[in-house]
Amino acid sequence: MSIIVENVAKVYGTQRALNGVSFSIPSSEVVGFLGPNGAGKSTMMKIITCFLPPTEGKVSVCGLDVMKNSIEVRRLIGYLPEHNPLYLDMYVREYLHFIGDIYGVPQLNKRVAEMIDRVGLGPEAHKKIEALSKGYRQRVGLAQAMIHDPKVLILDEPTSGLDPNQLVEIRSLIKEIGKEKTVMLSTHIMQEVEAICNRTIIINKGNIVADKATSELRSGIGGAGHELEVEFSGAISRSALMKIEGVSNAVNDGGNSWTISIVGNGDLRKEIAEMAMQQSIAVISMSKKELKLEEIFKELTTANSQN
């Protein structure tokens, strides 16, 4: 495992920012780390990257304890914090050389050129950082996080300030990096999670409230049920739909279209089609309605708001 977090708690005075958090992340996985403001995301990332000590618990990166082997762990991690700290009076190439020199990167000129090309900084590489847009500053932050070829990347809001074209490019880059490295990223953009994350961890008020493959998370919460969107060729009554065992609700969406709620994970497509056939009505279309990640996020973080 690249990252192992075991029963980590962090206390600031009387405030408990993290409450016994545990999870592990293997190599070559892109994990979205989500939560509302103040949930403990940045605190957890700062502990993993050795910027903060945990009050309780243990964290290891590539088998090394972050408290006992802090210097070694930092060499293995590339970190882009939420507030990207850059030396604004330095030129792009100068800054990347500076960071690479700190890490003792071999063939540094070649590596800087590679990073500039990889994050799309070429047109701006001759400029001072203070002259760059926020989007290009984020690219500089990504380049410095990867300059020493780390095994683990921790990215806190990595696409903040990027325009739509830049978003596509950087998301593609992160996804590509995730094929060979462990990537943990925090973001408020749900489309970003759906586009690039294999797995999603959601934290709320210092507690992990979900940890699943992103595709599984979108299919529903806790196996409580799912919905089918069905269009019939003719009129179907709600009472006929409600008579099917396992149907908990049916809502007409206009005309002959219905949203049918089903208890649990049972497959009632055959039963719905047979009911329609008995009334000489055909099923024109039928598809499972997946919840949007925004809806799941809201349900999980508001359901636990009293914790």
Protein backbone atom coordinates (compact mmCIF):
# COMPACT_ATOMS: atom_id res chain seq x y z
CA MET A 1 0.00 0.00 0.00
CA SER A 2 1.26 3.48 -0.87
CA ILE A 3 -0.73 5.22 1.89
CA ILE A 4 -2.03 3.65 5.10
CA VAL A 5 -3.99 5.76 7.59
CA GLU A 6 -4.87 4.05 10.88
CA ASN A 7 -7.24 5.56 13.46
CA VAL A 8 -5.93 9.09 12.94
CA ALA A 9 -7.31 11.88 15.11
CA LYS A 10 -6.34 15.55 15.15
CA VAL A 11 -7.36 17.88 17.95
CA TYR A 12 -7.00 21.67 17.97
CA GLY A 13 -7.71 22.80 21.51
CA THR A 14 -11.30 21.67 22.08
CA GLN A 15 -12.03 21.06 18.38
CA ARG A 16 -11.64 17.55 17.01
CA ALA A 17 -10.84 17.97 13.30
CA LEU A 18 -10.33 14.24 12.62
CA ASN A 19 -11.97 11.44 14.55
CA GLY A 20 -10.36 8.01 14.17
CA VAL A 21 -9.94 8.15 10.38
CA SER A 22 -8.73 4.98 8.65
CA PHE A 23 -8.20 4.11 4.97
CA SER A 24 -5.52 2.76 2.66
CA ILE A 25 -4.63 3.57 -0.94
CA PRO A 26 -2.68 1.17 -3.19
CA SER A 27 -0.30 2.12 -5.95
CA SER A 28 -1.64 3.21 -9.34
CA GLU A 29 -4.97 4.50 -8.05
CA VAL A 30 -6.52 7.96 -8.35
CA VAL A 31 -8.63 8.67 -5.26
CA GLY A 32 -10.97 11.61 -4.81
CA PHE A 33 -11.01 12.92 -1.23
CA LEU A 34 -14.22 14.88 -0.79
CA GLY A 35 -15.96 16.74 1.97
CA PRO A 36 -17.63 20.07 2.78
CA ASN A 37 -15.57 22.99 4.03
CA GLY A 38 -14.19 22.26 7.48
CA ALA A 39 -14.64 18.49 7.12
CA GLY A 40 -10.96 17.71 7.74
CA LYS A 41 -9.70 17.18 4.17
CA SER A 42 -6.76 19.58 4.24
CA THR A 43 -5.85 18.52 7.78
CA MET A 44 -5.64 14.89 6.68
CA MET A 45 -3.54 15.80 3.65
CA LYS A 46 -1.16 17.89 5.77
CA ILE A 47 -0.67 14.94 8.12
CA ILE A 48 0.11 12.59 5.21
CA THR A 49 2.61 15.10 3.82
CA CYS A 50 4.33 15.58 7.21
CA PHE A 51 3.23 19.21 7.65
CA LEU A 52 1.16 18.37 10.75
CA PRO A 53 1.56 15.62 13.35
CA PRO A 54 -1.50 13.51 14.22
CA THR A 55 -2.80 13.74 17.78
CA GLU A 56 -3.55 10.01 17.69
CA GLY A 57 -3.07 7.18 15.21
CA LYS A 58 -0.50 6.29 12.59
CA VAL A 59 0.17 7.18 8.95
CA SER A 60 2.65 5.45 6.65
CA VAL A 61 3.67 6.26 3.07
CA CYS A 62 5.30 3.47 1.04
CA GLY A 63 5.95 1.63 4.30
CA LEU A 64 7.56 4.60 6.10
CA ASP A 65 6.05 6.17 9.21
CA VAL A 66 5.42 9.91 8.65
CA MET A 67 6.53 10.72 12.21
CA LYS A 68 9.64 8.53 12.38
CA ASN A 69 10.78 8.98 8.77
CA SER A 70 9.58 12.47 7.88
CA ILE A 71 12.47 13.42 5.56
CA GLU A 72 12.30 10.13 3.64
CA VAL A 73 8.51 10.42 3.27
CA ARG A 74 8.78 13.96 1.89
CA ARG A 75 11.11 12.70 -0.84
CA LEU A 76 8.44 10.21 -1.91
CA ILE A 77 5.58 12.73 -2.04
CA GLY A 78 4.69 15.49 -4.47
CA TYR A 79 2.35 18.01 -2.85
CA LEU A 80 0.24 20.80 -4.30
CA PRO A 81 -1.51 22.56 -1.40
CA GLU A 82 -4.80 24.40 -1.78
CA HIS A 83 -3.09 27.79 -1.59
CA ASN A 84 -0.32 27.29 -4.11
CA PRO A 85 2.85 28.85 -2.56
CA LEU A 86 5.08 30.20 -5.33
CA TYR A 87 7.97 32.64 -5.45
CA LEU A 88 6.31 35.24 -7.65
CA ASP A 89 9.51 37.15 -8.43
CA MET A 90 11.15 34.07 -9.99
CA TYR A 91 10.90 33.01 -13.62
CA VAL A 92 9.11 29.71 -14.37
CA ARG A 93 12.25 27.83 -15.41
CA GLU A 94 14.26 29.40 -12.57
CA TYR A 95 11.67 28.32 -10.00
CA LEU A 96 11.49 24.73 -11.26
CA HIS A 97 15.29 24.57 -11.26
CA PHE A 98 15.26 25.84 -7.68
CA ILE A 99 12.78 23.17 -6.51
CA GLY A 100 14.53 20.43 -8.47
CA ASP A 101 17.88 21.41 -6.98
CA ILE A 102 16.44 21.10 -3.47
CA TYR A 103 15.40 17.52 -4.27
CA GLY A 104 18.73 16.76 -5.93
CA VAL A 105 17.09 15.84 -9.23
CA PRO A 106 19.62 14.40 -11.71
CA GLN A 107 19.82 15.83 -15.26
CA LEU A 108 17.83 18.79 -13.99
CA ASN A 109 17.78 20.79 -17.23
CA LYS A 110 16.19 17.85 -19.04
CA ARG A 111 13.69 17.24 -16.23
CA VAL A 112 12.60 20.90 -16.11
CA ALA A 113 12.03 20.85 -19.87
CA GLU A 114 9.98 17.64 -19.52
CA MET A 115 7.78 19.15 -16.80
CA ILE A 116 7.21 22.37 -18.73
CA ASP A 117 6.10 20.35 -21.73
CA ARG A 118 4.00 17.90 -19.72
CA VAL A 119 1.88 20.52 -17.94
CA GLY A 120 1.63 22.82 -20.95
CA LEU A 121 3.76 25.69 -19.66
CA GLY A 122 5.73 26.15 -22.87
CA PRO A 123 4.18 29.47 -24.01
CA GLU A 124 4.70 31.00 -20.54
CA ALA A 125 8.03 29.45 -19.52
CA HIS A 126 9.98 32.66 -20.20
CA LYS A 127 7.81 34.77 -17.86
CA LYS A 128 8.01 35.64 -14.20
CA ILE A 129 5.45 33.74 -12.11
CA GLU A 130 3.85 37.03 -11.00
CA ALA A 131 2.90 37.67 -14.66
CA LEU A 132 1.03 34.37 -15.01
CA SER A 133 -2.73 33.83 -14.80
CA LYS A 134 -4.08 31.75 -11.94
CA GLY A 135 -4.48 28.78 -14.28
CA TYR A 136 -0.84 28.88 -15.35
CA ARG A 137 0.27 29.32 -11.74
CA GLN A 138 -1.57 26.09 -10.98
CA ARG A 139 0.38 24.43 -13.77
CA VAL A 140 3.61 25.64 -12.19
CA GLY A 141 2.41 24.15 -8.89
CA LEU A 142 1.74 20.82 -10.58
CA ALA A 143 5.15 20.88 -12.24
CA GLN A 144 6.95 21.51 -8.92
CA ALA A 145 4.96 18.70 -7.28
CA MET A 146 6.16 16.25 -9.96
CA ILE A 147 9.68 17.56 -10.61
CA HIS A 148 11.36 14.89 -8.43
CA ASP A 149 9.28 12.02 -9.88
CA PRO A 150 7.51 11.14 -6.59
CA LYS A 151 5.71 7.85 -5.99
CA VAL A 152 2.72 9.61 -4.38
CA LEU A 153 0.97 12.81 -5.44
CA ILE A 154 -1.21 14.75 -2.98
CA LEU A 155 -3.21 17.43 -4.80
CA ASP A 156 -5.46 19.86 -2.94
CA GLU A 157 -7.83 21.58 -5.43
CA PRO A 158 -5.42 21.03 -8.37
CA THR A 159 -7.66 22.52 -11.08
CA SER A 160 -8.63 25.71 -9.24
CA GLY A 161 -8.63 28.65 -11.63
CA LEU A 162 -8.28 26.67 -14.85
CA ASP A 163 -10.41 27.49 -17.88
CA PRO A 164 -12.48 24.69 -19.55
CA ASN A 165 -9.74 23.82 -22.06
CA GLN A 166 -7.10 23.72 -19.35
CA LEU A 167 -9.39 21.56 -17.19
CA VAL A 168 -9.56 18.86 -19.84
CA GLU A 169 -5.78 18.87 -20.30
CA ILE A 170 -4.91 18.75 -16.59
CA ARG A 171 -7.54 16.10 -15.82
CA SER A 172 -6.13 13.97 -18.61
CA LEU A 173 -2.63 14.49 -17.20
CA ILE A 174 -3.69 13.46 -13.67
CA LYS A 175 -5.45 10.38 -15.02
CA GLU A 176 -2.33 9.42 -16.98
CA ILE A 177 -0.11 9.93 -13.92
CA GLY A 178 -2.47 7.68 -11.93
CA LYS A 179 -1.52 4.72 -14.12
CA GLU A 180 1.94 4.65 -12.56
CA LYS A 181 1.63 6.60 -9.30
CA THR A 182 -0.73 6.96 -6.36
CA VAL A 183 -2.77 10.15 -6.66
CA MET A 184 -4.94 11.55 -3.87
CA LEU A 185 -6.83 14.70 -4.77
CA SER A 186 -9.25 16.94 -2.98
CA THR A 187 -11.80 18.86 -5.03
CA HIS A 188 -15.26 20.42 -4.89
CA ILE A 189 -15.87 19.69 -8.58
CA MET A 190 -17.90 16.48 -8.77
CA GLN A 191 -17.46 16.14 -12.55
CA GLU A 192 -13.74 16.01 -11.90
CA VAL A 193 -14.15 13.04 -9.55
CA GLU A 194 -16.36 11.21 -12.05
CA ALA A 195 -13.90 11.90 -14.85
CA ILE A 196 -10.63 10.82 -13.26
CA CYS A 197 -11.07 9.06 -9.89
CA ASN A 198 -11.21 5.28 -9.56
CA ARG A 199 -12.37 5.61 -5.98
CA THR A 200 -14.05 8.21 -3.80
CA ILE A 201 -13.59 8.81 -0.08
CA ILE A 202 -16.02 11.25 1.54
CA ILE A 203 -15.28 12.81 4.92
CA ASN A 204 -17.69 14.84 7.03
CA LYS A 205 -17.01 16.44 10.40
CA GLY A 206 -13.83 14.42 10.78
CA ASN A 207 -15.44 11.04 10.02
CA ILE A 208 -15.27 8.88 6.88
CA VAL A 209 -18.87 8.52 5.65
CA ALA A 210 -18.18 6.74 2.34
CA ASP A 211 -15.28 4.85 0.76
CA LYS A 212 -16.19 3.12 -2.50
CA ALA A 213 -15.32 2.78 -6.14
CA THR A 214 -16.74 5.89 -7.80
CA SER A 215 -18.98 3.79 -10.06
CA GLU A 216 -20.42 1.93 -7.05
CA LEU A 217 -21.03 5.15 -5.16
CA ARG A 218 -23.04 6.58 -8.05
CA SER A 219 -25.31 3.50 -8.14
CA GLY A 220 -26.83 4.32 -4.77
CA ILE A 221 -26.30 4.74 -1.06
CA GLY A 222 -26.23 1.76 1.25
CA GLY A 223 -28.17 -0.49 -1.10
CA ALA A 224 -31.38 1.27 -0.10
CA GLY A 225 -32.81 1.09 -3.61
CA HIS A 226 -32.65 2.46 -7.12
CA GLU A 227 -34.86 3.98 -9.79
CA LEU A 228 -35.84 3.04 -13.33
CA GLU A 229 -36.83 5.54 -15.99
CA VAL A 230 -39.42 3.85 -18.22
CA GLU A 231 -41.33 5.05 -21.28
CA PHE A 232 -44.37 3.05 -22.42
CA SER A 233 -46.15 3.12 -25.78
CA GLY A 234 -49.49 3.82 -24.09
CA ALA A 235 -51.08 4.94 -20.85
CA ILE A 236 -50.20 2.97 -17.71
CA SER A 237 -51.86 3.61 -14.37
CA ARG A 238 -49.85 4.21 -11.22
CA SER A 239 -51.87 1.56 -9.41
CA ALA A 240 -50.76 -1.06 -11.96
CA LEU A 241 -47.12 -0.19 -11.34
CA MET A 242 -47.53 -0.17 -7.57
CA LYS A 243 -48.95 -3.72 -7.66
CA ILE A 244 -45.57 -5.06 -8.78
CA GLU A 245 -43.80 -6.54 -5.76
CA GLY A 246 -40.69 -4.51 -4.97
CA VAL A 247 -41.95 -1.21 -6.38
CA SER A 248 -41.98 1.43 -3.64
CA ASN A 249 -43.11 4.43 -5.68
CA ALA A 250 -44.01 5.52 -9.22
CA VAL A 251 -43.96 9.11 -10.47
CA ASN A 252 -45.33 10.18 -13.82
CA ASP A 253 -42.82 12.38 -15.67
CA GLY A 254 -45.32 13.46 -18.31
CA GLY A 255 -47.12 11.50 -21.00
CA ASN A 256 -46.27 7.81 -20.79
CA SER A 257 -42.93 8.27 -19.02
CA TRP A 258 -42.44 7.12 -15.43
CA THR A 259 -39.77 7.09 -12.76
CA ILE A 260 -40.19 3.87 -10.80
CA SER A 261 -38.53 3.46 -7.39
CA ILE A 262 -37.46 -0.07 -6.47
CA VAL A 263 -36.59 -1.44 -3.04
CA GLY A 264 -33.05 -2.82 -2.74
CA ASN A 265 -31.09 -4.02 -5.75
CA GLY A 266 -33.76 -6.29 -7.24
CA ASP A 267 -34.12 -6.38 -11.03
CA LEU A 268 -37.80 -5.77 -11.90
CA ARG A 269 -37.39 -5.03 -15.61
CA LYS A 270 -38.96 -8.33 -16.63
CA GLU A 271 -41.94 -7.86 -14.30
CA ILE A 272 -42.56 -4.31 -15.57
CA ALA A 273 -42.40 -5.45 -19.20
CA GLU A 274 -44.79 -8.37 -18.54
CA MET A 275 -47.28 -6.09 -16.80
CA ALA A 276 -47.24 -3.78 -19.81
CA MET A 277 -47.68 -6.68 -22.26
CA GLN A 278 -50.76 -7.84 -20.36
CA GLN A 279 -52.29 -4.47 -21.20
CA SER A 280 -51.12 -4.68 -24.86
CA ILE A 281 -48.61 -1.88 -24.23
CA ALA A 282 -44.94 -1.99 -25.23
CA VAL A 283 -41.93 -0.70 -23.33
CA ILE A 284 -40.20 1.85 -25.57
CA SER A 285 -37.23 2.47 -23.29
CA MET A 286 -36.05 1.47 -19.82
CA SER A 287 -32.88 2.57 -18.05
CA LYS A 288 -31.50 2.65 -14.55
CA LYS A 289 -31.33 6.16 -13.18
CA GLU A 290 -27.96 6.82 -11.58
CA LEU A 291 -27.79 9.39 -8.85
CA LYS A 292 -25.56 12.34 -9.55
CA LEU A 293 -22.48 12.45 -7.38
CA GLU A 294 -23.63 15.86 -6.13
CA GLU A 295 -26.84 14.27 -4.81
CA ILE A 296 -24.95 11.46 -3.09
CA PHE A 297 -22.45 13.92 -1.59
CA LYS A 298 -25.26 16.10 -0.26
CA GLU A 299 -27.15 13.16 1.23
CA LEU A 300 -24.09 11.71 2.94
CA THR A 301 -22.82 14.99 4.35
CA THR A 302 -26.21 16.30 5.50
CA ALA A 303 -27.35 12.94 6.89
CA ASN A 304 -24.31 13.00 9.14
CA SER A 305 -24.47 16.68 10.01
CA GLN A 306 -25.70 15.97 13.50
CA ASN A 307 -22.75 13.68 14.32
